Protein backbone atom coordinates (compact mmCIF):
# COMPACT_ATOMS: atom_id res chain seq x y z
CA MET A 1 120.16 -49.83 -0.06
CA SER A 2 122.37 -46.92 -0.25
CA ILE A 3 124.77 -45.25 -2.84
CA ASP A 4 126.94 -42.37 -2.67
CA TYR A 5 126.72 -40.43 -5.34
CA ARG A 6 125.88 -37.10 -6.07
CA GLU A 7 123.68 -36.06 -8.72
CA ASN A 8 124.83 -34.08 -11.54
CA GLU A 9 123.73 -33.08 -14.66
CA ARG A 10 125.25 -36.18 -16.98
CA VAL A 11 124.03 -38.92 -15.35
CA SER A 12 121.99 -40.05 -12.60
CA ILE A 13 121.42 -43.26 -10.35
CA THR A 14 118.78 -44.70 -8.72
CA LEU A 15 119.28 -47.77 -6.85
CA GLY A 16 116.23 -49.95 -5.92
CA GLU A 17 115.49 -51.98 -2.86
CA ASN A 18 115.81 -54.79 -5.08
CA GLY A 19 119.48 -53.85 -5.50
CA VAL A 20 118.78 -53.05 -9.32
CA ALA A 21 120.40 -49.76 -9.81
CA GLN A 22 119.32 -47.84 -13.40
CA VAL A 23 122.08 -45.66 -14.23
CA ARG A 24 121.18 -42.65 -16.97
CA LEU A 25 122.73 -40.89 -19.18
CA ILE A 26 120.91 -37.39 -18.79
CA ARG A 27 121.80 -35.34 -21.82
CA ALA A 28 119.01 -36.01 -23.64
CA ASP A 29 119.24 -32.45 -25.85
CA LYS A 30 122.76 -33.20 -27.21
CA MET A 31 121.50 -37.18 -27.28
CA ASN A 32 123.92 -38.00 -24.16
CA ALA A 33 126.89 -37.25 -26.43
CA LEU A 34 129.96 -37.43 -24.66
CA ASP A 35 132.08 -33.95 -22.95
CA PRO A 36 134.22 -34.08 -20.71
CA ASP A 37 131.36 -33.09 -17.72
CA MET A 38 129.83 -36.74 -19.71
CA PHE A 39 133.07 -38.40 -19.61
CA GLN A 40 134.04 -37.29 -15.78
CA ALA A 41 130.16 -38.32 -14.91
CA ILE A 42 130.48 -41.75 -15.97
CA ILE A 43 133.41 -42.73 -14.47
CA ASP A 44 132.39 -41.00 -11.00
CA ALA A 45 128.85 -43.21 -11.49
CA GLY A 46 130.81 -46.45 -12.07
CA HIS A 47 132.68 -45.87 -9.14
CA ALA A 48 130.19 -44.58 -6.68
CA LEU A 49 128.40 -48.14 -7.52
CA HIS A 50 131.27 -50.32 -7.16
CA ARG A 51 131.46 -48.57 -3.03
CA ALA A 52 127.44 -49.27 -3.35
CA LYS A 53 125.96 -51.65 -0.61
CA GLY A 54 123.46 -53.83 -1.32
CA LEU A 55 123.82 -53.46 -5.11
CA ARG A 56 122.86 -56.31 -6.76
CA ALA A 57 122.90 -56.04 -11.11
CA VAL A 58 123.17 -52.92 -12.78
CA VAL A 59 120.82 -51.44 -16.23
CA LEU A 60 122.93 -48.89 -17.75
CA SER A 61 120.59 -46.58 -21.08
CA GLY A 62 120.26 -43.66 -22.78
CA GLU A 63 117.83 -40.45 -21.57
CA GLY A 64 115.54 -39.35 -24.14
CA LYS A 65 115.62 -40.43 -27.80
CA SER A 66 119.17 -42.01 -28.11
CA PHE A 67 121.88 -43.81 -25.86
CA CYS A 68 125.03 -42.37 -26.77
CA ALA A 69 125.56 -40.11 -30.20
CA GLY A 70 129.60 -40.74 -29.23
CA LEU A 71 131.66 -37.78 -29.01
CA ASP A 72 130.03 -34.32 -28.99
CA LEU A 73 131.86 -32.86 -31.84
CA ALA A 74 131.72 -28.98 -30.25
CA SER A 75 134.15 -30.32 -27.47
CA MET A 76 136.07 -32.16 -29.50
CA ALA A 77 138.47 -29.34 -30.16
CA GLN A 78 138.68 -29.75 -25.77
CA VAL A 79 138.98 -33.17 -25.65
CA GLY A 80 141.82 -33.49 -28.01
CA ASN A 81 143.84 -30.60 -26.82
CA SER A 82 146.64 -32.00 -24.43
CA GLU A 83 147.96 -29.17 -23.25
CA GLY A 84 148.21 -29.55 -19.31
CA LYS A 85 147.05 -33.18 -19.76
CA ALA A 86 148.04 -36.82 -19.10
CA PRO A 87 149.18 -38.43 -21.99
CA LEU A 88 146.67 -40.95 -23.62
CA THR A 89 149.43 -43.56 -22.66
CA GLU A 90 149.61 -42.49 -18.89
CA ARG A 91 147.35 -44.96 -16.81
CA THR A 92 145.44 -42.99 -14.72
CA TYR A 93 142.88 -45.74 -13.76
CA GLY A 94 144.53 -48.39 -12.44
CA ASN A 95 144.70 -50.42 -16.65
CA ALA A 96 143.36 -47.11 -18.01
CA ASN A 97 143.60 -43.85 -18.60
CA MET A 98 140.46 -42.23 -18.49
CA PHE A 99 138.41 -42.30 -21.92
CA GLN A 100 138.81 -46.09 -21.52
CA GLN A 101 137.89 -46.41 -17.75
CA VAL A 102 134.13 -44.94 -19.20
CA ALA A 103 133.94 -47.92 -20.85
CA MET A 104 135.92 -49.98 -18.49
CA VAL A 105 134.35 -49.14 -15.36
CA TRP A 106 131.38 -51.17 -16.01
CA ARG A 107 133.57 -54.24 -17.08
CA LYS A 108 135.28 -53.70 -13.54
CA LEU A 109 132.17 -53.60 -11.68
CA PRO A 110 131.54 -56.83 -9.40
CA VAL A 111 128.06 -57.45 -10.35
CA PRO A 112 126.36 -57.56 -14.09
CA VAL A 113 125.47 -54.52 -15.72
CA ILE A 114 123.02 -54.65 -19.10
CA ALA A 115 123.55 -51.77 -21.27
CA ALA A 116 119.74 -50.51 -23.30
CA ILE A 117 120.35 -49.27 -26.31
CA HIS A 118 117.82 -47.53 -28.54
CA GLY A 119 118.04 -44.77 -31.42
CA VAL A 120 121.38 -43.79 -32.00
CA CYS A 121 124.52 -45.80 -30.62
CA PHE A 122 127.85 -44.27 -32.12
CA GLY A 123 131.82 -44.52 -31.72
CA GLY A 124 132.45 -44.04 -27.41
CA GLY A 125 128.53 -44.70 -26.82
CA LEU A 126 129.42 -47.86 -28.86
CA GLN A 127 132.53 -48.37 -25.97
CA ILE A 128 130.94 -47.76 -23.74
CA ALA A 129 127.65 -50.05 -24.15
CA SER A 130 130.24 -52.46 -24.99
CA GLY A 131 131.88 -52.10 -21.37
CA ALA A 132 128.08 -53.85 -19.89
CA ASP A 133 128.75 -57.62 -19.72
CA PHE A 134 125.27 -57.95 -22.12
CA ARG A 135 123.53 -55.55 -24.70
CA ILE A 136 119.66 -55.48 -25.74
CA ALA A 137 119.03 -53.39 -28.76
CA ALA A 138 115.79 -52.13 -29.97
CA PRO A 139 115.56 -53.00 -33.92
CA ASP A 140 116.35 -49.71 -35.66
CA THR A 141 118.58 -48.68 -32.99
CA ARG A 142 121.55 -46.93 -35.39
CA LEU A 143 125.16 -47.91 -34.91
CA ALA A 144 128.93 -47.53 -35.75
CA ILE A 145 132.05 -47.80 -34.96
CA MET A 146 132.52 -43.97 -36.04
CA GLU A 147 136.18 -42.79 -35.19
CA MET A 148 137.93 -43.14 -38.62
CA ARG A 149 135.57 -40.56 -39.54
CA TRP A 150 137.31 -37.99 -37.56
CA GLY A 151 140.97 -39.59 -38.19
CA ILE A 152 141.11 -41.50 -35.00
CA ILE A 153 141.10 -45.23 -34.15
CA PRO A 154 138.39 -46.33 -31.74
CA ASP A 155 140.59 -46.39 -27.91
CA MET A 156 137.81 -45.99 -25.26
CA GLY A 157 138.60 -49.96 -24.85
CA GLY A 158 136.72 -50.90 -27.57
CA PHE A 159 139.22 -53.72 -28.64
CA ALA A 160 140.06 -55.19 -25.42
CA LEU A 161 136.07 -55.56 -24.73
CA TRP A 162 135.64 -56.64 -28.69
CA SER A 163 137.69 -59.12 -29.26
CA SER A 164 136.02 -62.00 -27.20
CA THR A 165 132.15 -61.10 -28.93
CA VAL A 166 133.35 -59.70 -32.55
CA ARG A 167 134.45 -61.86 -35.75
CA ASP A 168 138.19 -60.17 -36.43
CA ASP A 169 137.00 -59.82 -39.82
CA VAL A 170 133.63 -58.34 -39.15
CA LEU A 171 135.75 -55.61 -36.72
CA ARG A 172 138.30 -54.38 -39.09
CA MET A 173 135.25 -54.38 -41.98
CA LEU A 174 133.49 -52.18 -39.25
CA THR A 175 136.38 -50.23 -38.14
CA TYR A 176 138.02 -49.10 -41.39
CA THR A 177 135.14 -47.75 -43.14
CA ASN A 178 132.82 -46.76 -40.54
CA THR A 179 129.58 -48.22 -41.90
CA GLU A 180 126.45 -47.66 -39.88
CA PHE A 181 124.47 -50.96 -38.87
CA ASN A 182 120.77 -51.54 -37.19
CA GLY A 183 120.10 -53.25 -33.78
CA GLU A 184 119.48 -56.32 -35.78
CA GLN A 185 122.40 -56.51 -37.70
CA ALA A 186 124.62 -55.63 -34.41
CA VAL A 187 123.46 -59.34 -33.07
CA GLU A 188 124.61 -61.10 -35.99
CA TYR A 189 128.19 -59.63 -35.76
CA GLY A 190 128.39 -59.63 -31.78
CA LEU A 191 128.32 -56.15 -30.96
CA ALA A 192 124.69 -56.68 -29.41
CA THR A 193 123.01 -60.06 -27.51
CA GLU A 194 119.54 -59.53 -28.73
CA VAL A 195 116.80 -57.30 -29.54
CA SER A 196 113.78 -56.01 -28.39
CA ASP A 197 111.21 -53.17 -28.71
CA ASP A 198 111.35 -52.17 -25.52
CA PRO A 199 115.07 -52.62 -24.63
CA LEU A 200 114.84 -50.78 -21.02
CA ALA A 201 112.46 -52.83 -19.88
CA ARG A 202 113.38 -56.14 -21.35
CA ALA A 203 117.15 -55.00 -19.24
CA THR A 204 115.23 -54.48 -16.47
CA ALA A 205 114.04 -57.25 -16.28
CA LEU A 206 116.55 -59.45 -16.71
CA ALA A 207 118.39 -57.36 -14.25
CA GLU A 208 115.79 -58.24 -11.90
CA GLN A 209 116.36 -61.99 -12.57
CA ILE A 210 119.74 -61.23 -11.72
CA ALA A 211 119.10 -59.81 -8.16
CA SER A 212 117.37 -63.07 -7.34
CA LYS A 213 119.69 -64.93 -7.89
CA ASN A 214 122.60 -65.49 -4.93
CA PRO A 215 124.71 -62.30 -5.02
CA ASP A 216 127.62 -63.98 -3.93
CA ALA A 217 127.46 -66.99 -6.77
CA ILE A 218 126.92 -63.84 -9.41
CA ARG A 219 129.75 -62.16 -7.96
CA GLU A 220 132.42 -64.78 -7.88
CA ALA A 221 130.61 -65.59 -12.24
CA LYS A 222 131.19 -62.08 -13.10
CA GLY A 223 135.23 -62.52 -11.96
CA LEU A 224 135.61 -65.60 -13.78
CA PHE A 225 134.25 -64.27 -16.96
CA GLY A 226 136.23 -61.47 -16.43
CA THR A 227 139.63 -63.52 -16.17
CA TYR A 228 139.12 -67.33 -17.62
CA LEU A 229 140.09 -66.26 -21.50
CA HIS A 230 143.28 -65.05 -20.32
CA LEU A 231 144.00 -67.88 -18.39
CA SER A 232 145.77 -71.44 -19.75
CA GLU A 233 143.23 -74.23 -18.93
CA ASP A 234 144.70 -75.43 -15.74
CA ASP A 235 144.01 -72.24 -14.79
CA VAL A 236 140.79 -71.94 -15.40
CA LEU A 237 140.13 -75.27 -13.99
CA MET A 238 141.69 -74.13 -10.58
CA GLU A 239 139.91 -70.19 -10.46
CA GLU A 240 136.65 -72.17 -10.72
CA SER A 241 137.62 -74.56 -7.80
CA VAL A 242 138.95 -71.22 -5.96
CA ARG A 243 135.68 -69.42 -6.85
CA GLN A 244 133.28 -72.61 -6.27
CA GLN A 245 135.19 -73.45 -2.44
CA ARG A 246 133.93 -69.53 -0.98
CA LEU A 247 130.82 -70.00 -1.62
CA THR A 248 129.96 -73.79 -1.29
CA GLY A 249 128.04 -73.78 2.60
CA THR A 250 127.76 -70.40 2.93
CA LYS A 251 124.88 -68.98 4.88
CA ASN A 252 123.83 -67.42 0.67
CA GLN A 253 124.44 -70.81 -0.90
CA MET A 254 122.35 -72.82 1.49
CA GLU A 255 119.67 -70.57 0.89
CA ALA A 256 119.41 -71.03 -2.60
CA VAL A 257 119.18 -74.71 -1.61
CA THR A 258 116.23 -74.21 1.10
CA SER A 259 114.21 -71.47 -1.34
CA GLN A 260 114.50 -74.21 -4.07
CA MET A 261 113.55 -77.18 -2.55
CA GLN A 262 110.92 -74.99 -0.35
CA LYS A 263 109.42 -73.42 -3.61
CA ARG A 264 109.53 -70.01 -2.25
CA PRO A 265 111.45 -66.96 -2.94
CA ALA A 266 115.43 -66.28 -1.56
CA ASN A 267 116.24 -64.61 1.08
CA PHE A 268 119.47 -63.15 0.48
CA GLU A 269 121.81 -61.32 2.54
CA ASP A 270 123.87 -58.56 1.07
CA HIS A 271 127.63 -58.51 2.37
């Protein structure tokens, strides 16, 4: 297992032998609030993982008392100062600008990402967590779509990420009012997948379970999840067939069958 990533003061990555990467926001003294350095560090971490050999799943969490408190108020003026910066409408990262890429980079990874949420998860922090495939939250987590408090709208990919999980009227209410809610309510609203008293342990256990599957099939499944909501029924059926044809009869697919028949752990190859 290897990863080309330079450690910094904002994000750490540990890639285990089982292919599970632990990605942690490490600005604990500021509740992992987002300043310009944090924005860039998160993007860099995501891009490094995209190139990592042997990667099978990712757990995304925050160090200290919170997952992420959202935008660092002390740096708000700096972030909002557009002088010398690309306009928000410029697509600097494929289909996204820099702020959107901080959340979308996790959805764009070819392997599943699980966010472990605790403490505070406000504004941009919630949008980052929403970029994960699913979210495990502590029951007493404090969450909010906070942007309206500062006179702005969610613009870090939230609407693209929430459209398939959050009921429209609920999303409107939470956006217009920036009402705070807890982890159990987040599950009810569609902003979290389940609650756990130990979100990091639960997320890690799920990541390890995913990492034990055929990594080729996992990647094909994530690729299908990334497209099926936006395709016609005919195109979804074809997409299933194309991806399944790529998998059928491959060494890893046959190992999945053989290991099940022999009742032993599978020994998959990473490509």
